[in-house]
Amino acid sequence: MKKINRFLIIYMIVITVLCAYMCYLAFTRNENIDKIQEVRSQVTTTVLKKQTKAEKKVKATYSLKILDGSLAVINNKTKEVFEYTDMKKENLPADILNMLKENFVFENREEVYHFLESYSS
């Protein structure tokens, strides 16, 4: 009988210690999760800021304008003339004139060159 009582006492002590440890983990885990979520939100905001800065740095668009009687390619980011073309205003087709009125934007240099090559030949 004494052996059974010792076993039950040890068993109850072990169960009590395990329950106390689980409660400790449960309460400290919530605090850690809050801290982790806060750190994650800070990291995501800084990453998003860096991505938007990188996009602003990289992205330069181009448009067409008539300057000094000929067609010119304008860098929209710097507002400077990127390139003058040999195409005169009088010789431009109607669809290019419509594009000038609509302020059509090209995403990169390759699009501009492709467009100009298709109309100059």
N, C-alpha and C. Protein backbone atom coordinates (compact mmCIF):
# COMPACT_ATOMS: atom_id res chain seq x y z
N MET A 1 0.83 -1.19 0.00
CA MET A 1 0.00 0.00 0.00
C MET A 1 0.87 1.25 0.00
N LYS A 2 1.99 1.19 0.71
CA LYS A 2 2.85 2.36 0.78
C LYS A 2 3.46 2.65 -0.58
N LYS A 3 3.76 1.62 -1.36
CA LYS A 3 4.33 1.82 -2.68
C LYS A 3 3.33 2.52 -3.61
N ILE A 4 2.08 2.14 -3.51
CA ILE A 4 1.05 2.75 -4.35
C ILE A 4 0.88 4.22 -3.98
N ASN A 5 0.90 4.54 -2.66
CA ASN A 5 0.76 5.93 -2.22
C ASN A 5 1.94 6.78 -2.70
N ARG A 6 3.15 6.24 -2.65
CA ARG A 6 4.32 6.96 -3.14
C ARG A 6 4.20 7.22 -4.64
N PHE A 7 3.78 6.19 -5.36
CA PHE A 7 3.61 6.34 -6.81
C PHE A 7 2.57 7.41 -7.14
N LEU A 8 1.45 7.41 -6.45
CA LEU A 8 0.40 8.42 -6.70
C LEU A 8 0.88 9.82 -6.36
N ILE A 9 1.64 9.98 -5.28
CA ILE A 9 2.15 11.28 -4.90
C ILE A 9 3.14 11.78 -5.96
N ILE A 10 4.05 10.90 -6.39
CA ILE A 10 5.02 11.29 -7.42
C ILE A 10 4.29 11.61 -8.72
N TYR A 11 3.30 10.79 -9.06
CA TYR A 11 2.50 11.01 -10.27
C TYR A 11 1.79 12.36 -10.22
N MET A 12 1.20 12.71 -9.10
CA MET A 12 0.49 13.99 -8.94
C MET A 12 1.46 15.16 -9.03
N ILE A 13 2.65 14.99 -8.43
CA ILE A 13 3.66 16.07 -8.50
C ILE A 13 4.10 16.29 -9.95
N VAL A 14 4.35 15.21 -10.66
CA VAL A 14 4.78 15.32 -12.06
C VAL A 14 3.68 15.99 -12.90
N ILE A 15 2.46 15.56 -12.72
CA ILE A 15 1.34 16.15 -13.47
C ILE A 15 1.18 17.62 -13.13
N THR A 16 1.31 18.00 -11.90
CA THR A 16 1.19 19.39 -11.47
C THR A 16 2.31 20.24 -12.10
N VAL A 17 3.53 19.72 -12.07
CA VAL A 17 4.65 20.45 -12.66
C VAL A 17 4.44 20.62 -14.16
N LEU A 18 4.00 19.57 -14.84
CA LEU A 18 3.74 19.67 -16.28
C LEU A 18 2.63 20.69 -16.59
N CYS A 19 1.58 20.68 -15.80
CA CYS A 19 0.50 21.66 -16.01
C CYS A 19 1.01 23.09 -15.79
N ALA A 20 1.80 23.29 -14.75
CA ALA A 20 2.35 24.62 -14.49
C ALA A 20 3.26 25.06 -15.64
N TYR A 21 4.07 24.14 -16.15
CA TYR A 21 4.97 24.46 -17.27
C TYR A 21 4.17 24.81 -18.53
N MET A 22 3.11 24.07 -18.78
CA MET A 22 2.27 24.35 -19.96
C MET A 22 1.59 25.71 -19.84
N CYS A 23 1.13 26.05 -18.65
CA CYS A 23 0.53 27.38 -18.44
C CYS A 23 1.57 28.47 -18.65
N TYR A 24 2.75 28.26 -18.16
CA TYR A 24 3.84 29.23 -18.35
C TYR A 24 4.11 29.43 -19.84
N LEU A 25 4.23 28.34 -20.57
CA LEU A 25 4.47 28.44 -22.01
C LEU A 25 3.32 29.14 -22.74
N ALA A 26 2.10 28.86 -22.33
CA ALA A 26 0.94 29.45 -23.00
C ALA A 26 0.92 30.96 -22.82
N PHE A 27 1.20 31.44 -21.63
CA PHE A 27 1.16 32.88 -21.39
C PHE A 27 2.37 33.60 -21.98
N THR A 28 3.54 33.02 -21.89
CA THR A 28 4.71 33.68 -22.48
C THR A 28 4.68 33.59 -24.00
N ARG A 29 4.07 32.57 -24.55
CA ARG A 29 3.97 32.43 -26.00
C ARG A 29 3.14 33.56 -26.60
N ASN A 30 2.06 33.94 -25.94
CA ASN A 30 1.23 35.04 -26.44
C ASN A 30 2.02 36.34 -26.47
N GLU A 31 2.82 36.58 -25.45
CA GLU A 31 3.65 37.78 -25.43
C GLU A 31 4.67 37.74 -26.57
N ASN A 32 5.28 36.58 -26.78
CA ASN A 32 6.26 36.44 -27.85
C ASN A 32 5.61 36.60 -29.23
N ILE A 33 4.41 36.08 -29.38
CA ILE A 33 3.72 36.21 -30.66
C ILE A 33 3.44 37.67 -30.96
N ASP A 34 3.01 38.42 -29.94
CA ASP A 34 2.77 39.85 -30.14
C ASP A 34 4.05 40.56 -30.56
N LYS A 35 5.16 40.22 -29.92
CA LYS A 35 6.44 40.84 -30.27
C LYS A 35 6.86 40.44 -31.67
N ILE A 36 6.67 39.16 -32.01
CA ILE A 36 7.04 38.69 -33.35
C ILE A 36 6.20 39.39 -34.41
N GLN A 37 4.90 39.53 -34.16
CA GLN A 37 4.03 40.20 -35.12
C GLN A 37 4.41 41.67 -35.28
N GLU A 38 4.79 42.30 -34.20
CA GLU A 38 5.22 43.70 -34.27
C GLU A 38 6.49 43.84 -35.10
N VAL A 39 7.43 42.94 -34.87
CA VAL A 39 8.68 42.96 -35.63
C VAL A 39 8.40 42.68 -37.11
N ARG A 40 7.53 41.72 -37.39
CA ARG A 40 7.18 41.40 -38.77
C ARG A 40 6.56 42.60 -39.47
N SER A 41 5.67 43.30 -38.78
CA SER A 41 5.03 44.46 -39.41
C SER A 41 6.05 45.56 -39.68
N GLN A 42 7.00 45.74 -38.77
CA GLN A 42 8.05 46.74 -38.99
C GLN A 42 8.92 46.35 -40.18
N VAL A 43 9.25 45.07 -40.26
CA VAL A 43 10.08 44.60 -41.37
C VAL A 43 9.35 44.75 -42.70
N THR A 44 8.09 44.39 -42.74
CA THR A 44 7.34 44.51 -43.99
C THR A 44 7.20 45.96 -44.42
N THR A 45 7.00 46.87 -43.48
CA THR A 45 6.89 48.27 -43.88
C THR A 45 8.22 48.80 -44.41
N THR A 46 9.32 48.41 -43.79
CA THR A 46 10.61 48.88 -44.30
C THR A 46 10.92 48.25 -45.66
N VAL A 47 10.55 46.99 -45.84
CA VAL A 47 10.77 46.34 -47.14
C VAL A 47 9.92 47.01 -48.21
N LEU A 48 8.68 47.32 -47.89
CA LEU A 48 7.81 47.99 -48.86
C LEU A 48 8.34 49.38 -49.21
N LYS A 49 8.85 50.09 -48.23
CA LYS A 49 9.44 51.41 -48.50
C LYS A 49 10.63 51.29 -49.42
N LYS A 50 11.48 50.28 -49.17
CA LYS A 50 12.65 50.10 -50.02
C LYS A 50 12.25 49.71 -51.42
N GLN A 51 11.21 48.88 -51.55
CA GLN A 51 10.75 48.47 -52.88
C GLN A 51 10.20 49.66 -53.65
N THR A 52 9.42 50.52 -52.98
CA THR A 52 8.87 51.67 -53.68
C THR A 52 9.98 52.64 -54.06
N LYS A 53 10.99 52.78 -53.21
CA LYS A 53 12.12 53.64 -53.57
C LYS A 53 12.86 53.07 -54.77
N ALA A 54 13.04 51.75 -54.78
CA ALA A 54 13.74 51.11 -55.90
C ALA A 54 12.92 51.25 -57.18
N GLU A 55 11.59 51.11 -57.07
CA GLU A 55 10.75 51.27 -58.25
C GLU A 55 10.81 52.70 -58.77
N LYS A 56 10.84 53.65 -57.87
CA LYS A 56 10.92 55.04 -58.29
C LYS A 56 12.26 55.33 -58.97
N LYS A 57 13.31 54.72 -58.46
CA LYS A 57 14.63 54.94 -59.05
C LYS A 57 14.73 54.32 -60.43
N VAL A 58 14.21 53.12 -60.59
CA VAL A 58 14.39 52.37 -61.82
C VAL A 58 13.44 52.82 -62.92
N LYS A 59 12.23 53.13 -62.58
CA LYS A 59 11.20 53.33 -63.58
C LYS A 59 11.31 54.73 -64.22
N ALA A 60 11.65 54.74 -65.49
CA ALA A 60 11.66 55.96 -66.28
C ALA A 60 10.79 55.69 -67.50
N THR A 61 9.79 56.52 -67.70
CA THR A 61 8.91 56.36 -68.85
C THR A 61 9.23 57.44 -69.88
N TYR A 62 8.76 57.21 -71.09
CA TYR A 62 9.06 58.11 -72.20
C TYR A 62 7.78 58.48 -72.92
N SER A 63 7.78 59.69 -73.47
CA SER A 63 6.64 60.14 -74.27
C SER A 63 7.16 60.91 -75.47
N LEU A 64 6.25 61.20 -76.39
CA LEU A 64 6.61 61.91 -77.61
C LEU A 64 6.04 63.32 -77.57
N LYS A 65 6.82 64.30 -78.07
CA LYS A 65 6.36 65.70 -78.17
C LYS A 65 6.97 66.31 -79.42
N ILE A 66 6.31 67.36 -79.88
CA ILE A 66 6.84 68.12 -81.01
C ILE A 66 7.66 69.27 -80.44
N LEU A 67 8.94 69.29 -80.76
CA LEU A 67 9.83 70.38 -80.35
C LEU A 67 10.57 70.88 -81.57
N ASP A 68 10.55 72.18 -81.79
CA ASP A 68 11.23 72.82 -82.92
C ASP A 68 10.82 72.20 -84.26
N GLY A 69 9.57 71.82 -84.39
CA GLY A 69 9.04 71.31 -85.65
C GLY A 69 9.31 69.84 -85.92
N SER A 70 10.00 69.15 -85.02
CA SER A 70 10.24 67.72 -85.23
C SER A 70 9.85 66.94 -83.98
N LEU A 71 9.71 65.65 -84.17
CA LEU A 71 9.29 64.77 -83.09
C LEU A 71 10.47 64.49 -82.16
N ALA A 72 10.24 64.61 -80.86
CA ALA A 72 11.29 64.35 -79.86
C ALA A 72 10.77 63.37 -78.82
N VAL A 73 11.68 62.58 -78.27
CA VAL A 73 11.36 61.62 -77.21
C VAL A 73 11.76 62.27 -75.89
N ILE A 74 10.82 62.32 -74.95
CA ILE A 74 11.01 62.98 -73.66
C ILE A 74 11.07 61.93 -72.55
N ASN A 75 12.06 62.05 -71.68
CA ASN A 75 12.14 61.22 -70.48
C ASN A 75 11.21 61.84 -69.45
N ASN A 76 10.15 61.13 -69.08
CA ASN A 76 9.15 61.69 -68.17
C ASN A 76 9.66 61.84 -66.74
N LYS A 77 10.65 61.09 -66.38
CA LYS A 77 11.18 61.19 -65.02
C LYS A 77 11.98 62.48 -64.84
N THR A 78 12.86 62.77 -65.79
CA THR A 78 13.70 63.96 -65.67
C THR A 78 13.16 65.15 -66.44
N LYS A 79 12.13 64.92 -67.26
CA LYS A 79 11.51 65.96 -68.09
C LYS A 79 12.51 66.56 -69.10
N GLU A 80 13.51 65.78 -69.47
CA GLU A 80 14.50 66.23 -70.44
C GLU A 80 14.29 65.51 -71.76
N VAL A 81 14.85 66.10 -72.83
CA VAL A 81 14.77 65.47 -74.14
C VAL A 81 15.72 64.28 -74.15
N PHE A 82 15.16 63.11 -74.45
CA PHE A 82 15.99 61.91 -74.52
C PHE A 82 16.63 61.79 -75.89
N GLU A 83 15.83 62.11 -76.94
CA GLU A 83 16.36 61.99 -78.29
C GLU A 83 15.48 62.79 -79.26
N TYR A 84 16.13 63.45 -80.19
CA TYR A 84 15.41 64.10 -81.29
C TYR A 84 15.33 63.12 -82.46
N THR A 85 14.25 63.17 -83.19
CA THR A 85 14.10 62.32 -84.37
C THR A 85 14.12 63.18 -85.62
N ASP A 86 14.22 62.53 -86.78
CA ASP A 86 14.21 63.24 -88.06
C ASP A 86 12.79 63.43 -88.60
N MET A 87 11.81 63.00 -87.86
CA MET A 87 10.43 63.07 -88.33
C MET A 87 9.89 64.48 -88.10
N LYS A 88 9.47 65.14 -89.18
CA LYS A 88 8.92 66.50 -89.11
C LYS A 88 7.43 66.44 -88.81
N LYS A 89 6.93 67.51 -88.21
CA LYS A 89 5.53 67.57 -87.81
C LYS A 89 4.60 67.43 -89.00
N GLU A 90 4.97 68.04 -90.13
CA GLU A 90 4.11 68.00 -91.31
C GLU A 90 4.00 66.59 -91.89
N ASN A 91 5.02 65.77 -91.71
CA ASN A 91 5.04 64.45 -92.32
C ASN A 91 4.50 63.33 -91.41
N LEU A 92 4.07 63.69 -90.22
CA LEU A 92 3.62 62.67 -89.27
C LEU A 92 2.24 62.15 -89.63
N PRO A 93 2.02 60.84 -89.51
CA PRO A 93 0.69 60.27 -89.76
C PRO A 93 -0.31 60.71 -88.69
N ALA A 94 -1.57 60.54 -88.98
CA ALA A 94 -2.64 60.98 -88.08
C ALA A 94 -2.60 60.23 -86.75
N ASP A 95 -2.25 58.93 -86.78
CA ASP A 95 -2.26 58.19 -85.51
C ASP A 95 -1.16 58.66 -84.56
N ILE A 96 -0.03 59.12 -85.09
CA ILE A 96 1.01 59.67 -84.21
C ILE A 96 0.55 61.01 -83.64
N LEU A 97 -0.12 61.81 -84.45
CA LEU A 97 -0.65 63.08 -83.94
C LEU A 97 -1.69 62.83 -82.84
N ASN A 98 -2.49 61.78 -83.00
CA ASN A 98 -3.46 61.42 -81.95
C ASN A 98 -2.74 60.98 -80.67
N MET A 99 -1.64 60.24 -80.84
CA MET A 99 -0.87 59.82 -79.67
C MET A 99 -0.29 61.03 -78.94
N LEU A 100 0.11 62.03 -79.70
CA LEU A 100 0.65 63.24 -79.07
C LEU A 100 -0.42 63.96 -78.26
N LYS A 101 -1.64 63.97 -78.80
CA LYS A 101 -2.75 64.62 -78.07
C LYS A 101 -3.11 63.85 -76.80
N GLU A 102 -3.01 62.52 -76.87
CA GLU A 102 -3.38 61.69 -75.72
C GLU A 102 -2.25 61.51 -74.71
N ASN A 103 -1.08 62.06 -75.02
CA ASN A 103 0.10 61.92 -74.15
C ASN A 103 0.40 60.44 -73.86
N PHE A 104 0.54 59.66 -74.91
CA PHE A 104 0.84 58.24 -74.80
C PHE A 104 2.21 58.04 -74.14
N VAL A 105 2.30 57.07 -73.24
CA VAL A 105 3.53 56.84 -72.47
C VAL A 105 4.10 55.47 -72.84
N PHE A 106 5.42 55.45 -73.09
CA PHE A 106 6.15 54.21 -73.34
C PHE A 106 6.85 53.82 -72.04
N GLU A 107 6.84 52.54 -71.73
CA GLU A 107 7.40 52.06 -70.47
C GLU A 107 8.93 51.97 -70.47
N ASN A 108 9.54 51.77 -71.64
CA ASN A 108 10.99 51.65 -71.69
C ASN A 108 11.52 52.09 -73.05
N ARG A 109 12.82 52.14 -73.18
CA ARG A 109 13.46 52.61 -74.42
C ARG A 109 13.17 51.69 -75.59
N GLU A 110 13.14 50.39 -75.33
CA GLU A 110 12.91 49.44 -76.41
C GLU A 110 11.57 49.69 -77.10
N GLU A 111 10.54 50.00 -76.32
CA GLU A 111 9.23 50.29 -76.91
C GLU A 111 9.31 51.54 -77.79
N VAL A 112 10.01 52.55 -77.33
CA VAL A 112 10.15 53.78 -78.10
C VAL A 112 10.86 53.49 -79.42
N TYR A 113 11.98 52.79 -79.35
CA TYR A 113 12.75 52.49 -80.56
C TYR A 113 11.94 51.63 -81.53
N HIS A 114 11.23 50.65 -81.01
CA HIS A 114 10.41 49.80 -81.86
C HIS A 114 9.32 50.63 -82.57
N PHE A 115 8.70 51.50 -81.80
CA PHE A 115 7.65 52.34 -82.36
C PHE A 115 8.20 53.27 -83.44
N LEU A 116 9.31 53.92 -83.15
CA LEU A 116 9.89 54.84 -84.12
C LEU A 116 10.38 54.11 -85.38
N GLU A 117 10.94 52.94 -85.20
CA GLU A 117 11.39 52.18 -86.37
C GLU A 117 10.22 51.77 -87.25
N SER A 118 9.10 51.45 -86.65
CA SER A 118 7.95 51.03 -87.45
C SER A 118 7.37 52.17 -88.26
N TYR A 119 7.50 53.41 -87.81
CA TYR A 119 6.95 54.56 -88.55
C TYR A 119 7.99 55.24 -89.44
N SER A 120 9.25 55.05 -89.17
CA SER A 120 10.25 55.76 -89.97
C SER A 120 10.58 55.01 -91.24
N SER A 121 10.28 53.73 -91.31
CA SER A 121 10.62 52.98 -92.52
C SER A 121 9.49 52.88 -93.52
